[in-house]
Structures are given as structure tokens and as C-alpha cells.
């Protein structure tokens, strides 16, 4: 089952200067079960996140920071992929196609202005 509403991100957009900068965001587990998550970026050359994966408990909020290095502006995105937490290693869930009753992803649009 796909469940794209299980994790909410606020704000769900990230606008930074093409010269670089940081943006703080919150991730909330709105699901009724513990989830494993992994952050995937369309542009690892310009963007990084201070956490690449982990677990998020029911109703838990995690704060994270998106950092942009100086570079040419282009449309980019971050995906927060998630699934049922069934093992001790969060990132292990994503080495193959994630499985479980709750599987999905939440999109964060990244934009850089000159």
C-alpha cells in the first residue's frame, strides 16, 4: 500500500540563493506505526542534508537542515522515502524495493535563485 501522507514536511519547499545557504525543516510521522526513512537528492553536488536516514516513531517530529553549496541554479528535489520499520538498520530497508503495508515518498522541491 502506498501512503504518501504518512510523513509531512514543513515547509515542503526549499528556496535558497544560488550562492549557497541553509534551510531548516521538520518531518512529522503522521502514521500509526514506526517508519524507516531515507533522504534522496536529485543533486548531491549542490545539496546536502544533515541526516540521510533513520527511524521516526509515531507522532515524532525530527528537525533537519538542507544545505546548498554555490552553483548554477536548476530545478532539483529531495525525496523522503519511507516504509514500515521492520529491522534494526533503517537504511537496509532501501537496498531493495521497500516492502510493507506503508511504503511511499514525500517530495521537497528545491529552488535556487541568483
PDB file of N, CA and C in Angstrom:
ATOM      1  N   UNK A   1       0.851  -1.176   0.000  1.00  0.00           N
ATOM      2  CA  UNK A   1       0.000   0.000   0.000  1.00  0.00           C
ATOM      3  C   UNK A   1       0.892   1.233   0.000  1.00  0.00           C
ATOM      4  N   UNK A   2       0.599   2.166  -0.857  1.00  0.00           N
ATOM      5  CA  UNK A   2       1.310   3.435  -0.868  1.00  0.00           C
ATOM      6  C   UNK A   2       0.598   4.399   0.073  1.00  0.00           C
ATOM      7  N   UNK A   3       1.361   5.166   0.816  1.00  0.00           N
ATOM      8  CA  UNK A   3       0.785   6.046   1.834  1.00  0.00           C
ATOM      9  C   UNK A   3       1.571   7.342   1.851  1.00  0.00           C
ATOM     10  N   UNK A   4       1.367   8.204   0.840  1.00  0.00           N
ATOM     11  CA  UNK A   4       2.190   9.397   0.691  1.00  0.00           C
ATOM     12  C   UNK A   4       1.971  10.427   1.790  1.00  0.00           C
ATOM     13  N   UNK A   5       0.910  10.308   2.565  1.00  0.00           N
ATOM     14  CA  UNK A   5       0.630  11.273   3.626  1.00  0.00           C
ATOM     15  C   UNK A   5       1.210  10.861   4.972  1.00  0.00           C
ATOM     16  N   UNK A   6       1.900   9.743   5.046  1.00  0.00           N
ATOM     17  CA  UNK A   6       2.418   9.233   6.323  1.00  0.00           C
ATOM     18  C   UNK A   6       3.452  10.168   6.933  1.00  0.00           C
ATOM     19  N   UNK A   7       4.246  10.817   6.112  1.00  0.00           N
ATOM     20  CA  UNK A   7       5.246  11.768   6.600  1.00  0.00           C
ATOM     21  C   UNK A   7       4.943  13.145   6.005  1.00  0.00           C
ATOM     22  N   UNK A   8       4.863  14.137   6.880  1.00  0.00           N
ATOM     23  CA  UNK A   8       4.647  15.521   6.439  1.00  0.00           C
ATOM     24  C   UNK A   8       5.937  16.306   6.650  1.00  0.00           C
ATOM     25  N   UNK A   9       6.247  17.169   5.700  1.00  0.00           N
ATOM     26  CA  UNK A   9       7.428  18.027   5.778  1.00  0.00           C
ATOM     27  C   UNK A   9       6.968  19.483   5.800  1.00  0.00           C
ATOM     28  N   UNK A  10       7.488  20.253   6.751  1.00  0.00           N
ATOM     29  CA  UNK A  10       7.198  21.689   6.782  1.00  0.00           C
ATOM     30  C   UNK A  10       8.487  22.473   6.959  1.00  0.00           C
ATOM     31  N   UNK A  11       8.712  23.499   6.172  1.00  0.00           N
ATOM     32  CA  UNK A  11       7.990  23.768   4.931  1.00  0.00           C
ATOM     33  C   UNK A  11       8.318  22.707   3.882  1.00  0.00           C
ATOM     34  N   UNK A  12       7.413  22.540   2.909  1.00  0.00           N
ATOM     35  CA  UNK A  12       7.601  21.491   1.897  1.00  0.00           C
ATOM     36  C   UNK A  12       8.344  21.980   0.660  1.00  0.00           C
ATOM     37  N   UNK A  13       8.843  23.215   0.710  1.00  0.00           N
ATOM     38  CA  UNK A  13       9.675  23.776  -0.356  1.00  0.00           C
ATOM     39  C   UNK A  13      10.929  24.367   0.264  1.00  0.00           C
ATOM     40  N   UNK A  14      11.979  24.424  -0.519  1.00  0.00           N
ATOM     41  CA  UNK A  14      13.251  24.972  -0.042  1.00  0.00           C
ATOM     42  C   UNK A  14      13.794  25.908  -1.104  1.00  0.00           C
ATOM     43  N   UNK A  15      13.759  27.197  -0.802  1.00  0.00           N
ATOM     44  CA  UNK A  15      14.295  28.206  -1.720  1.00  0.00           C
ATOM     45  C   UNK A  15      15.544  28.810  -1.096  1.00  0.00           C
ATOM     46  N   UNK A  16      16.662  28.669  -1.788  1.00  0.00           N
ATOM     47  CA  UNK A  16      17.934  29.196  -1.315  1.00  0.00           C
ATOM     48  C   UNK A  16      18.620  29.962  -2.435  1.00  0.00           C
ATOM     49  N   UNK A  17      19.556  30.790  -2.074  1.00  0.00           N
ATOM     50  CA  UNK A  17      20.346  31.522  -3.051  1.00  0.00           C
ATOM     51  C   UNK A  17      21.263  30.558  -3.799  1.00  0.00           C
ATOM     52  N   UNK A  18      21.488  30.823  -5.073  1.00  0.00           N
ATOM     53  CA  UNK A  18      22.432  30.015  -5.849  1.00  0.00           C
ATOM     54  C   UNK A  18      23.843  30.130  -5.279  1.00  0.00           C
ATOM     55  N   UNK A  19      24.088  31.176  -4.488  1.00  0.00           N
ATOM     56  CA  UNK A  19      25.394  31.356  -3.841  1.00  0.00           C
ATOM     57  C   UNK A  19      25.568  30.426  -2.649  1.00  0.00           C
ATOM     58  N   UNK A  20      24.471  29.818  -2.176  1.00  0.00           N
ATOM     59  CA  UNK A  20      24.535  28.876  -1.064  1.00  0.00           C
ATOM     60  C   UNK A  20      23.740  29.339   0.128  1.00  0.00           C
ATOM     61  N   UNK A  21      23.576  28.452   1.103  1.00  0.00           N
ATOM     62  CA  UNK A  21      22.836  28.769   2.318  1.00  0.00           C
ATOM     63  C   UNK A  21      22.237  27.537   2.946  1.00  0.00           C
ATOM     64  N   UNK A  22      21.438  27.743   4.006  1.00  0.00           N
ATOM     65  CA  UNK A  22      20.805  26.629   4.710  1.00  0.00           C
ATOM     66  C   UNK A  22      19.325  26.927   4.920  1.00  0.00           C
ATOM     67  N   UNK A  23      18.561  25.864   5.104  1.00  0.00           N
ATOM     68  CA  UNK A  23      17.121  25.966   5.339  1.00  0.00           C
ATOM     69  C   UNK A  23      16.716  24.876   6.328  1.00  0.00           C
ATOM     70  N   UNK A  24      15.986  25.248   7.394  1.00  0.00           N
ATOM     71  CA  UNK A  24      15.541  24.285   8.405  1.00  0.00           C
ATOM     72  C   UNK A  24      14.145  23.781   8.069  1.00  0.00           C
ATOM     73  N   UNK A  25      13.938  22.471   8.310  1.00  0.00           N
ATOM     74  CA  UNK A  25      12.660  21.825   8.014  1.00  0.00           C
ATOM     75  C   UNK A  25      12.313  20.851   9.134  1.00  0.00           C
ATOM     76  N   UNK A  26      11.019  20.475   9.198  1.00  0.00           N
ATOM     77  CA  UNK A  26      10.556  19.486  10.171  1.00  0.00           C
ATOM     78  C   UNK A  26       9.862  18.352   9.433  1.00  0.00           C
ATOM     79  N   UNK A  27      10.116  17.140   9.907  1.00  0.00           N
ATOM     80  CA  UNK A  27       9.477  15.943   9.387  1.00  0.00           C
ATOM     81  C   UNK A  27       8.639  15.354  10.520  1.00  0.00           C
ATOM     82  N   UNK A  28       7.359  15.073  10.234  1.00  0.00           N
ATOM     83  CA  UNK A  28       6.450  14.535  11.246  1.00  0.00           C
ATOM     84  C   UNK A  28       5.881  13.215  10.749  1.00  0.00           C
ATOM     85  N   UNK A  29       5.928  12.190  11.601  1.00  0.00           N
ATOM     86  CA  UNK A  29       5.309  10.905  11.286  1.00  0.00           C
ATOM     87  C   UNK A  29       3.831  10.994  11.641  1.00  0.00           C
ATOM     88  N   UNK A  30       2.973  11.028  10.632  1.00  0.00           N
ATOM     89  CA  UNK A  30       1.523  11.101  10.819  1.00  0.00           C
ATOM     90  C   UNK A  30       0.869   9.726  10.754  1.00  0.00           C
ATOM     91  N   UNK A  31       1.679   8.695  10.682  1.00  0.00           N
ATOM     92  CA  UNK A  31       1.195   7.321  10.539  1.00  0.00           C
ATOM     93  C   UNK A  31       1.016   6.685  11.916  1.00  0.00           C
ATOM     94  N   UNK A  32       0.377   5.546  11.950  1.00  0.00           N
ATOM     95  CA  UNK A  32       0.137   4.847  13.214  1.00  0.00           C
ATOM     96  C   UNK A  32       1.192   3.782  13.509  1.00  0.00           C
ATOM     97  N   UNK A  33       2.358   3.909  12.870  1.00  0.00           N
ATOM     98  CA  UNK A  33       3.439   2.945  13.088  1.00  0.00           C
ATOM     99  C   UNK A  33       4.797   3.612  12.907  1.00  0.00           C
ATOM    100  N   UNK A  34       5.806   3.007  13.494  1.00  0.00           N
ATOM    101  CA  UNK A  34       7.190   3.476  13.342  1.00  0.00           C
ATOM    102  C   UNK A  34       7.614   3.261  11.894  1.00  0.00           C
ATOM    103  N   UNK A  35       8.322   4.244  11.334  1.00  0.00           N
ATOM    104  CA  UNK A  35       8.760   4.165   9.947  1.00  0.00           C
ATOM    105  C   UNK A  35      10.278   4.288   9.838  1.00  0.00           C
ATOM    106  N   UNK A  36      10.833   3.649   8.821  1.00  0.00           N
ATOM    107  CA  UNK A  36      12.220   3.865   8.420  1.00  0.00           C
ATOM    108  C   UNK A  36      12.173   4.863   7.283  1.00  0.00           C
ATOM    109  N   UNK A  37      13.189   5.761   7.196  1.00  0.00           N
ATOM    110  CA  UNK A  37      13.216   6.724   6.101  1.00  0.00           C
ATOM    111  C   UNK A  37      14.619   6.875   5.545  1.00  0.00           C
ATOM    112  N   UNK A  38      14.672   7.335   4.302  1.00  0.00           N
ATOM    113  CA  UNK A  38      15.939   7.634   3.638  1.00  0.00           C
ATOM    114  C   UNK A  38      15.727   8.877   2.790  1.00  0.00           C
ATOM    115  N   UNK A  39      16.716   9.781   2.804  1.00  0.00           N
ATOM    116  CA  UNK A  39      16.657  11.009   2.020  1.00  0.00           C
ATOM    117  C   UNK A  39      17.435  10.792   0.723  1.00  0.00           C
ATOM    118  N   UNK A  40      16.796  11.105  -0.399  1.00  0.00           N
ATOM    119  CA  UNK A  40      17.450  11.004  -1.703  1.00  0.00           C
ATOM    120  C   UNK A  40      17.392  12.367  -2.379  1.00  0.00           C
ATOM    121  N   UNK A  41      18.492  12.762  -3.010  1.00  0.00           N
ATOM    122  CA  UNK A  41      18.586  14.067  -3.660  1.00  0.00           C
ATOM    123  C   UNK A  41      18.821  13.900  -5.158  1.00  0.00           C
ATOM    124  N   UNK A  42      18.235  14.794  -5.939  1.00  0.00           N
ATOM    125  CA  UNK A  42      18.492  14.790  -7.380  1.00  0.00           C
ATOM    126  C   UNK A  42      19.800  15.505  -7.719  1.00  0.00           C
ATOM    127  N   UNK A  43      20.410  16.166  -6.711  1.00  0.00           N
ATOM    128  CA  UNK A  43      21.630  16.923  -6.969  1.00  0.00           C
ATOM    129  C   UNK A  43      22.526  16.908  -5.724  1.00  0.00           C
ATOM    130  N   UNK A  44      23.315  15.856  -5.576  1.00  0.00           N
ATOM    131  CA  UNK A  44      24.214  15.746  -4.429  1.00  0.00           C
ATOM    132  C   UNK A  44      25.424  16.681  -4.538  1.00  0.00           C
ATOM    133  N   UNK A  45      25.665  17.256  -5.709  1.00  0.00           N
ATOM    134  CA  UNK A  45      26.781  18.184  -5.879  1.00  0.00           C
ATOM    135  C   UNK A  45      26.514  19.514  -5.183  1.00  0.00           C
ATOM    136  N   UNK A  46      25.252  19.957  -5.209  1.00  0.00           N
ATOM    137  CA  UNK A  46      24.920  21.251  -4.635  1.00  0.00           C
ATOM    138  C   UNK A  46      24.182  21.162  -3.299  1.00  0.00           C
ATOM    139  N   UNK A  47      23.469  20.072  -3.044  1.00  0.00           N
ATOM    140  CA  UNK A  47      22.649  19.974  -1.838  1.00  0.00           C
ATOM    141  C   UNK A  47      23.105  18.833  -0.936  1.00  0.00           C
ATOM    142  N   UNK A  48      23.004  19.074   0.368  1.00  0.00           N
ATOM    143  CA  UNK A  48      23.235  18.018   1.352  1.00  0.00           C
ATOM    144  C   UNK A  48      22.220  18.200   2.477  1.00  0.00           C
ATOM    145  N   UNK A  49      22.006  17.125   3.215  1.00  0.00           N
ATOM    146  CA  UNK A  49      21.070  17.126   4.339  1.00  0.00           C
ATOM    147  C   UNK A  49      21.817  16.558   5.532  1.00  0.00           C
ATOM    148  N   UNK A  50      21.555  17.086   6.729  1.00  0.00           N
ATOM    149  CA  UNK A  50      22.315  16.648   7.907  1.00  0.00           C
ATOM    150  C   UNK A  50      21.890  15.278   8.421  1.00  0.00           C
ATOM    151  N   UNK A  51      20.900  14.641   7.806  1.00  0.00           N
ATOM    152  CA  UNK A  51      20.580  13.244   8.123  1.00  0.00           C
ATOM    153  C   UNK A  51      20.142  12.560   6.841  1.00  0.00           C
ATOM    154  N   UNK A  52      20.718  11.387   6.585  1.00  0.00           N
ATOM    155  CA  UNK A  52      20.392  10.693   5.340  1.00  0.00           C
ATOM    156  C   UNK A  52      19.370   9.589   5.533  1.00  0.00           C
ATOM    157  N   UNK A  53      19.110   9.220   6.765  1.00  0.00           N
ATOM    158  CA  UNK A  53      18.130   8.184   7.026  1.00  0.00           C
ATOM    159  C   UNK A  53      18.022   7.915   8.508  1.00  0.00           C
ATOM    160  N   UNK A  54      17.042   7.101   8.843  1.00  0.00           N
ATOM    161  CA  UNK A  54      16.841   6.747  10.244  1.00  0.00           C
ATOM    162  C   UNK A  54      15.443   6.230  10.482  1.00  0.00           C
ATOM    163  N   UNK A  55      15.045   6.274  11.722  1.00  0.00           N
ATOM    164  CA  UNK A  55      13.706   5.857  12.126  1.00  0.00           C
ATOM    165  C   UNK A  55      12.958   7.062  12.662  1.00  0.00           C
ATOM    166  N   UNK A  56      11.648   7.053  12.494  1.00  0.00           N
ATOM    167  CA  UNK A  56      10.806   8.090  13.068  1.00  0.00           C
ATOM    168  C   UNK A  56       9.586   7.403  13.691  1.00  0.00           C
ATOM    169  N   UNK A  57       9.422   7.605  15.001  1.00  0.00           N
ATOM    170  CA  UNK A  57       8.328   6.969  15.737  1.00  0.00           C
ATOM    171  C   UNK A  57       6.995   7.637  15.454  1.00  0.00           C
ATOM    172  N   UNK A  58       5.923   7.000  15.860  1.00  0.00           N
ATOM    173  CA  UNK A  58       4.574   7.531  15.720  1.00  0.00           C
ATOM    174  C   UNK A  58       4.504   8.918  16.363  1.00  0.00           C
ATOM    175  N   UNK A  59       3.997   9.896  15.619  1.00  0.00           N
ATOM    176  CA  UNK A  59       3.807  11.285  16.062  1.00  0.00           C
ATOM    177  C   UNK A  59       5.109  12.022  16.372  1.00  0.00           C
ATOM    178  N   UNK A  60       6.253  11.427  16.085  1.00  0.00           N
ATOM    179  CA  UNK A  60       7.533  12.082  16.352  1.00  0.00           C
ATOM    180  C   UNK A  60       7.824  13.158  15.302  1.00  0.00           C
ATOM    181  N   UNK A  61       8.502  14.209  15.730  1.00  0.00           N
ATOM    182  CA  UNK A  61       8.965  15.273  14.845  1.00  0.00           C
ATOM    183  C   UNK A  61      10.488  15.273  14.856  1.00  0.00           C
ATOM    184  N   UNK A  62      11.083  15.292  13.675  1.00  0.00           N
ATOM    185  CA  UNK A  62      12.539  15.397  13.542  1.00  0.00           C
ATOM    186  C   UNK A  62      12.841  16.660  12.755  1.00  0.00           C
ATOM    187  N   UNK A  63      13.817  17.415  13.225  1.00  0.00           N
ATOM    188  CA  UNK A  63      14.263  18.596  12.505  1.00  0.00           C
ATOM    189  C   UNK A  63      15.490  18.234  11.677  1.00  0.00           C
ATOM    190  N   UNK A  64      15.581  18.834  10.491  1.00  0.00           N
ATOM    191  CA  UNK A  64      16.754  18.621   9.650  1.00  0.00           C
ATOM    192  C   UNK A  64      17.076  19.899   8.895  1.00  0.00           C
ATOM    193  N   UNK A  65      18.311  19.963   8.406  1.00  0.00           N
ATOM    194  CA  UNK A  65      18.796  21.151   7.711  1.00  0.00           C
ATOM    195  C   UNK A  65      19.247  20.758   6.311  1.00  0.00           C
ATOM    196  N   UNK A  66      18.769  21.516   5.328  1.00  0.00           N
ATOM    197  CA  UNK A  66      19.211  21.358   3.946  1.00  0.00           C
ATOM    198  C   UNK A  66      20.255  22.443   3.690  1.00  0.00           C
ATOM    199  N   UNK A  67      21.412  22.043   3.166  1.00  0.00           N
ATOM    200  CA  UNK A  67      22.493  22.989   2.862  1.00  0.00           C
ATOM    201  C   UNK A  67      22.737  22.996   1.366  1.00  0.00           C
ATOM    202  N   UNK A  68      22.865  24.198   0.804  1.00  0.00           N
ATOM    203  CA  UNK A  68      23.175  24.341  -0.622  1.00  0.00           C
ATOM    204  C   UNK A  68      24.536  24.997  -0.779  1.00  0.00           C
ATOM    205  N   UNK A  69      25.372  24.388  -1.611  1.00  0.00           N
ATOM    206  CA  UNK A  69      26.654  24.981  -1.982  1.00  0.00           C
ATOM    207  C   UNK A  69      26.427  25.894  -3.187  1.00  0.00           C
ATOM    208  N   UNK A  70      27.355  26.795  -3.403  1.00  0.00           N
ATOM    209  CA  UNK A  70      27.271  27.687  -4.556  1.00  0.00           C
ATOM    210  C   UNK A  70      27.283  26.874  -5.846  1.00  0.00           C
ATOM    211  N   UNK A  71      26.429  27.251  -6.779  1.00  0.00           N
ATOM    212  CA  UNK A  71      26.379  26.550  -8.051  1.00  0.00           C
ATOM    213  C   UNK A  71      25.250  27.048  -8.917  1.00  0.00           C
ATOM    214  N   UNK A  72      25.243  26.599 -10.155  1.00  0.00           N
ATOM    215  CA  UNK A  72      24.241  27.011 -11.136  1.00  0.00           C
ATOM    216  C   UNK A  72      22.837  26.588 -10.681  1.00  0.00           C
ATOM    217  N   UNK A  73      21.871  27.517 -10.735  1.00  0.00           N
ATOM    218  CA  UNK A  73      20.506  27.151 -10.359  1.00  0.00           C
ATOM    219  C   UNK A  73      19.866  26.218 -11.390  1.00  0.00           C
ATOM    220  N   UNK A  74      19.121  25.260 -10.891  1.00  0.00           N
ATOM    221  CA  UNK A  74      18.373  24.326 -11.729  1.00  0.00           C
ATOM    222  C   UNK A  74      17.277  23.725 -10.867  1.00  0.00           C
ATOM    223  N   UNK A  75      16.220  23.201 -11.467  1.00  0.00           N
ATOM    224  CA  UNK A  75      15.173  22.573 -10.655  1.00  0.00           C
ATOM    225  C   UNK A  75      15.691  21.260 -10.054  1.00  0.00           C
ATOM    226  N   UNK A  76      15.620  21.160  -8.744  1.00  0.00           N
ATOM    227  CA  UNK A  76      16.072  19.961  -8.044  1.00  0.00           C
ATOM    228  C   UNK A  76      15.009  19.533  -7.049  1.00  0.00           C
ATOM    229  N   UNK A  77      15.211  18.347  -6.453  1.00  0.00           N
ATOM    230  CA  UNK A  77      14.256  17.868  -5.461  1.00  0.00           C
ATOM    231  C   UNK A  77      14.929  16.933  -4.482  1.00  0.00           C
ATOM    232  N   UNK A  78      14.329  16.852  -3.304  1.00  0.00           N
ATOM    233  CA  UNK A  78      14.683  15.843  -2.307  1.00  0.00           C
ATOM    234  C   UNK A  78      13.480  14.936  -2.154  1.00  0.00           C
ATOM    235  N   UNK A  79      13.720  13.660  -2.040  1.00  0.00           N
ATOM    236  CA  UNK A  79      12.664  12.703  -1.741  1.00  0.00           C
ATOM    237  C   UNK A  79      12.931  12.111  -0.371  1.00  0.00           C
ATOM    238  N   UNK A  80      11.925  12.094   0.468  1.00  0.00           N
ATOM    239  CA  UNK A  80      11.994  11.377   1.734  1.00  0.00           C
ATOM    240  C   UNK A  80      11.241  10.073   1.482  1.00  0.00           C
ATOM    241  N   UNK A  81      11.980   8.991   1.291  1.00  0.00           N
ATOM    242  CA  UNK A  81      11.387   7.672   1.061  1.00  0.00           C
ATOM    243  C   UNK A  81      11.156   7.018   2.416  1.00  0.00           C
ATOM    244  N   UNK A  82      10.044   6.319   2.582  1.00  0.00           N
ATOM    245  CA  UNK A  82       9.749   5.703   3.874  1.00  0.00           C
ATOM    246  C   UNK A  82       9.019   4.382   3.705  1.00  0.00           C
ATOM    247  N   UNK A  83       9.098   3.566   4.757  1.00  0.00           N
ATOM    248  CA  UNK A  83       8.405   2.275   4.788  1.00  0.00           C
ATOM    249  C   UNK A  83       8.307   1.809   6.235  1.00  0.00           C
ATOM    250  N   UNK A  84       7.530   0.733   6.439  1.00  0.00           N
ATOM    251  CA  UNK A  84       7.425   0.135   7.769  1.00  0.00           C
ATOM    252  C   UNK A  84       8.816  -0.186   8.303  1.00  0.00           C
ATOM    253  N   UNK A  85       9.053   0.110   9.559  1.00  0.00           N
ATOM    254  CA  UNK A  85      10.334  -0.212  10.200  1.00  0.00           C
ATOM    255  C   UNK A  85      10.260  -1.639  10.721  1.00  0.00           C
ATOM    256  N   UNK A  86      10.985  -2.548  10.061  1.00  0.00           N
ATOM    257  CA  UNK A  86      10.913  -3.959  10.444  1.00  0.00           C
ATOM    258  C   UNK A  86      12.250  -4.535  10.895  1.00  0.00           C
ATOM    259  N   UNK A  87      13.324  -3.773  10.794  1.00  0.00           N
ATOM    260  CA  UNK A  87      14.637  -4.281  11.178  1.00  0.00           C
ATOM    261  C   UNK A  87      15.426  -3.243  11.933  1.00  0.00           C
ATOM    262  N   UNK A  88      16.616  -3.611  12.404  1.00  0.00           N
ATOM    263  CA  UNK A  88      17.418  -2.695  13.231  1.00  0.00           C
ATOM    264  C   UNK A  88      18.182  -1.618  12.457  1.00  0.00           C
ATOM    265  N   UNK A  89      18.343  -1.765  11.134  1.00  0.00           N
ATOM    266  CA  UNK A  89      19.113  -0.805  10.329  1.00  0.00           C
ATOM    267  C   UNK A  89      18.167  -0.092   9.361  1.00  0.00           C
ATOM    268  N   UNK A  90      17.959   1.202   9.578  1.00  0.00           N
ATOM    269  CA  UNK A  90      16.996   1.954   8.765  1.00  0.00           C
ATOM    270  C   UNK A  90      17.344   1.926   7.279  1.00  0.00           C
ATOM    271  N   UNK A  91      18.608   2.137   6.933  1.00  0.00           N
ATOM    272  CA  UNK A  91      18.986   2.222   5.523  1.00  0.00           C
ATOM    273  C   UNK A  91      18.919   0.875   4.813  1.00  0.00           C
ATOM    274  N   UNK A  92      19.011  -0.209   5.570  1.00  0.00           N
ATOM    275  CA  UNK A  92      18.909  -1.562   5.000  1.00  0.00           C
ATOM    276  C   UNK A  92      17.563  -1.763   4.303  1.00  0.00           C
ATOM    277  N   UNK A  93      16.520  -1.081   4.773  1.00  0.00           N
ATOM    278  CA  UNK A  93      15.181  -1.197   4.188  1.00  0.00           C
ATOM    279  C   UNK A  93      15.144  -0.742   2.729  1.00  0.00           C
ATOM    280  N   UNK A  94      16.122   0.076   2.305  1.00  0.00           N
ATOM    281  CA  UNK A  94      16.076   0.704   0.994  1.00  0.00           C
ATOM    282  C   UNK A  94      17.118   0.153   0.018  1.00  0.00           C
ATOM    283  N   UNK A  95      17.820  -0.916   0.391  1.00  0.00           N
ATOM    284  CA  UNK A  95      18.788  -1.523  -0.524  1.00  0.00           C
ATOM    285  C   UNK A  95      18.070  -2.261  -1.648  1.00  0.00           C
ATOM    286  N   UNK A  96      16.868  -2.706  -1.403  1.00  0.00           N
ATOM    287  CA  UNK A  96      15.985  -3.291  -2.414  1.00  0.00           C
ATOM    288  C   UNK A  96      14.696  -2.481  -2.374  1.00  0.00           C
ATOM    289  N   UNK A  97      13.738  -2.864  -3.166  1.00  0.00           N
ATOM    290  CA  UNK A  97      12.438  -2.175  -3.155  1.00  0.00           C
ATOM    291  C   UNK A  97      11.816  -2.319  -1.768  1.00  0.00           C
ATOM    292  N   UNK A  98      11.497  -1.178  -1.100  1.00  0.00           N
ATOM    293  CA  UNK A  98      10.894  -1.259   0.240  1.00  0.00           C
ATOM    294  C   UNK A  98       9.566  -2.008   0.209  1.00  0.00           C
ATOM    295  N   UNK A  99       9.311  -2.758   1.276  1.00  0.00           N
ATOM    296  CA  UNK A  99       8.086  -3.555   1.373  1.00  0.00           C
ATOM    297  C   UNK A  99       7.387  -3.233   2.676  1.00  0.00           C
ATOM    298  N   UNK A 100       6.105  -3.578   2.738  1.00  0.00           N
ATOM    299  CA  UNK A 100       5.330  -3.390   3.949  1.00  0.00           C
ATOM    300  C   UNK A 100       3.969  -2.800   3.640  1.00  0.00           C
ATOM    301  N   UNK A 101       3.180  -2.603   4.667  1.00  0.00           N
ATOM    302  CA  UNK A 101       1.860  -2.016   4.483  1.00  0.00           C
ATOM    303  C   UNK A 101       1.944  -0.537   4.161  1.00  0.00           C
ATOM    304  N   UNK A 102       2.965   0.137   4.698  1.00  0.00           N
ATOM    305  CA  UNK A 102       3.140   1.564   4.446  1.00  0.00           C
ATOM    306  C   UNK A 102       4.452   1.770   3.697  1.00  0.00           C
ATOM    307  N   UNK A 103       4.350   2.196   2.445  1.00  0.00           N
ATOM    308  CA  UNK A 103       5.513   2.479   1.611  1.00  0.00           C
ATOM    309  C   UNK A 103       5.189   3.723   0.797  1.00  0.00           C
ATOM    310  N   UNK A 104       6.118   4.677   0.744  1.00  0.00           N
ATOM    311  CA  UNK A 104       5.855   5.870  -0.054  1.00  0.00           C
ATOM    312  C   UNK A 104       7.012   6.835  -0.030  1.00  0.00           C
ATOM    313  N   UNK A 105       6.738   8.047  -0.491  1.00  0.00           N
ATOM    314  CA  UNK A 105       7.751   9.090  -0.506  1.00  0.00           C
ATOM    315  C   UNK A 105       7.074  10.451  -0.436  1.00  0.00           C
ATOM    316  N   UNK A 106       7.799  11.392   0.130  1.00  0.00           N
ATOM    317  CA  UNK A 106       7.343  12.770   0.233  1.00  0.00           C
ATOM    318  C   UNK A 106       8.369  13.645  -0.470  1.00  0.00           C
ATOM    319  N   UNK A 107       7.908  14.557  -1.306  1.00  0.00           N
ATOM    320  CA  UNK A 107       8.760  15.390  -2.137  1.00  0.00           C
ATOM    321  C   UNK A 107       8.983  16.759  -1.502  1.00  0.00           C
ATOM    322  N   UNK A 108      10.226  17.239  -1.573  1.00  0.00           N
ATOM    323  CA  UNK A 108      10.564  18.610  -1.211  1.00  0.00           C
ATOM    324  C   UNK A 108      11.155  19.240  -2.468  1.00  0.00           C
ATOM    325  N   UNK A 109      10.502  20.285  -2.979  1.00  0.00           N
ATOM    326  CA  UNK A 109      11.020  20.973  -4.173  1.00  0.00           C
ATOM    327  C   UNK A 109      12.118  21.936  -3.734  1.00  0.00           C
ATOM    328  N   UNK A 110      13.245  21.867  -4.450  1.00  0.00           N
ATOM    329  CA  UNK A 110      14.397  22.722  -4.179  1.00  0.00           C
ATOM    330  C   UNK A 110      14.518  23.739  -5.300  1.00  0.00           C
ATOM    331  N   UNK A 111      14.719  24.994  -4.927  1.00  0.00           N
ATOM    332  CA  UNK A 111      14.929  26.004  -5.964  1.00  0.00           C
ATOM    333  C   UNK A 111      16.023  26.958  -5.501  1.00  0.00           C
ATOM    334  N   UNK A 112      16.807  27.398  -6.462  1.00  0.00           N
ATOM    335  CA  UNK A 112      17.899  28.329  -6.181  1.00  0.00           C
ATOM    336  C   UNK A 112      17.750  29.537  -7.094  1.00  0.00           C
ATOM    337  N   UNK A 113      17.879  30.718  -6.506  1.00  0.00           N
ATOM    338  CA  UNK A 113      17.781  31.953  -7.281  1.00  0.00           C
ATOM    339  C   UNK A 113      19.138  32.664  -7.271  1.00  0.00           C
ATOM    340  N   UNK A 114      19.448  33.289  -8.396  1.00  0.00           N
ATOM    341  CA  UNK A 114      20.725  34.025  -8.476  1.00  0.00           C
ATOM    342  C   UNK A 114      20.592  35.372  -7.825  1.00  0.00           C
TER     343      UNK A 114
END
